C-alpha cells in the first residue's frame, strides 16, 4: 500500500471496506463482453450449420470452392 493509499485509508476507512462491490459501469462492461462472446460463438455455429447444409445439397459447389482455394494456396 502506498503512502497516499495509507493516508486515504486513515482518513476514510469505510471506503476501503467491502472492496468486492462493483460499480454499475463494471457490470455493464462484463455484460457487454459476455454478449460479444455469445454472438461470436453463435455466428460460428450458424456458419458451420450453413456449410454442412450446403455440402449436403450442393457437393459440386463445395468441391469447386476447395479446388479454387487449393489453387490459390499453391500459387501464393
Protein backbone atom coordinates (compact mmCIF):
# COMPACT_ATOMS: atom_id res chain seq x y z
CA UNK A 1 0.00 0.00 0.00
CA UNK A 2 1.47 3.35 -0.99
CA UNK A 3 1.69 6.29 1.38
CA UNK A 4 -1.21 8.08 -0.29
CA UNK A 5 -3.35 4.93 -0.05
CA UNK A 6 -2.49 4.59 3.65
CA UNK A 7 -3.41 8.22 4.16
CA UNK A 8 -6.74 7.72 2.37
CA UNK A 9 -7.42 4.63 4.47
CA UNK A 10 -6.64 6.52 7.65
CA UNK A 11 -8.96 9.42 6.83
CA UNK A 12 -11.79 7.40 5.27
CA UNK A 13 -11.60 3.72 6.31
CA UNK A 14 -15.23 2.96 5.39
CA UNK A 15 -14.41 3.43 1.71
CA UNK A 16 -11.91 0.56 1.88
CA UNK A 17 -14.34 -1.94 3.40
CA UNK A 18 -16.19 -4.30 1.10
CA UNK A 19 -13.97 -3.81 -1.94
CA UNK A 20 -15.81 -6.60 -3.78
CA UNK A 21 -18.68 -4.25 -4.65
CA UNK A 22 -18.85 -3.50 -8.34
CA UNK A 23 -19.83 -0.23 -9.89
CA UNK A 24 -22.60 -0.13 -12.47
CA UNK A 25 -20.08 0.56 -15.24
CA UNK A 26 -18.16 -2.62 -14.37
CA UNK A 27 -21.35 -4.70 -14.52
CA UNK A 28 -22.14 -3.14 -17.88
CA UNK A 29 -18.66 -3.94 -19.23
CA UNK A 30 -18.88 -7.55 -18.04
CA UNK A 31 -22.32 -7.96 -19.63
CA UNK A 32 -21.20 -6.48 -22.93
CA UNK A 33 -18.20 -8.79 -23.05
CA UNK A 34 -20.37 -11.82 -22.31
CA UNK A 35 -22.80 -10.92 -25.09
CA UNK A 36 -19.98 -10.29 -27.58
CA UNK A 37 -18.57 -13.75 -26.92
CA UNK A 38 -22.04 -15.28 -27.14
CA UNK A 39 -22.78 -13.64 -30.51
CA UNK A 40 -19.34 -14.64 -31.83
CA UNK A 41 -19.88 -18.29 -30.91
CA UNK A 42 -23.44 -18.21 -32.28
CA UNK A 43 -22.08 -16.89 -35.59
CA UNK A 44 -19.53 -19.68 -35.78
CA UNK A 45 -22.20 -22.31 -35.09
CA UNK A 46 -24.55 -20.85 -37.72
CA UNK A 47 -21.70 -20.77 -40.23
CA UNK A 48 -20.89 -24.42 -39.59
CA UNK A 49 -24.56 -25.40 -39.98
CA UNK A 50 -24.85 -23.49 -43.26
CA UNK A 51 -21.65 -25.12 -44.54
CA UNK A 52 -22.95 -28.59 -43.68
CA UNK A 53 -26.31 -27.95 -45.33
CA UNK A 54 -24.60 -26.54 -48.42
CA UNK A 55 -22.28 -29.55 -48.59
CA UNK A 56 -25.27 -31.90 -48.48
CA UNK A 57 -27.29 -30.00 -51.08
CA UNK A 58 -24.52 -28.85 -53.45
CA UNK A 59 -21.41 -31.06 -53.10
CA UNK A 60 -20.11 -29.96 -56.53
CA UNK A 61 -20.03 -26.33 -55.39
CA UNK A 62 -18.03 -27.28 -52.29
CA UNK A 63 -15.56 -29.25 -54.41
CA UNK A 64 -15.13 -26.27 -56.75
CA UNK A 65 -14.51 -23.93 -53.81
CA UNK A 66 -11.97 -26.30 -52.27
CA UNK A 67 -10.18 -26.70 -55.62
CA UNK A 68 -10.01 -22.91 -56.04
CA UNK A 69 -8.64 -22.39 -52.51
CA UNK A 70 -6.09 -25.16 -53.07
CA UNK A 71 -5.07 -23.49 -56.35
CA UNK A 72 -4.65 -20.10 -54.60
CA UNK A 73 -2.52 -21.68 -51.87
CA UNK A 74 -0.24 -23.35 -54.42
CA UNK A 75 0.22 -20.14 -56.42
CA UNK A 76 0.61 -17.96 -53.32
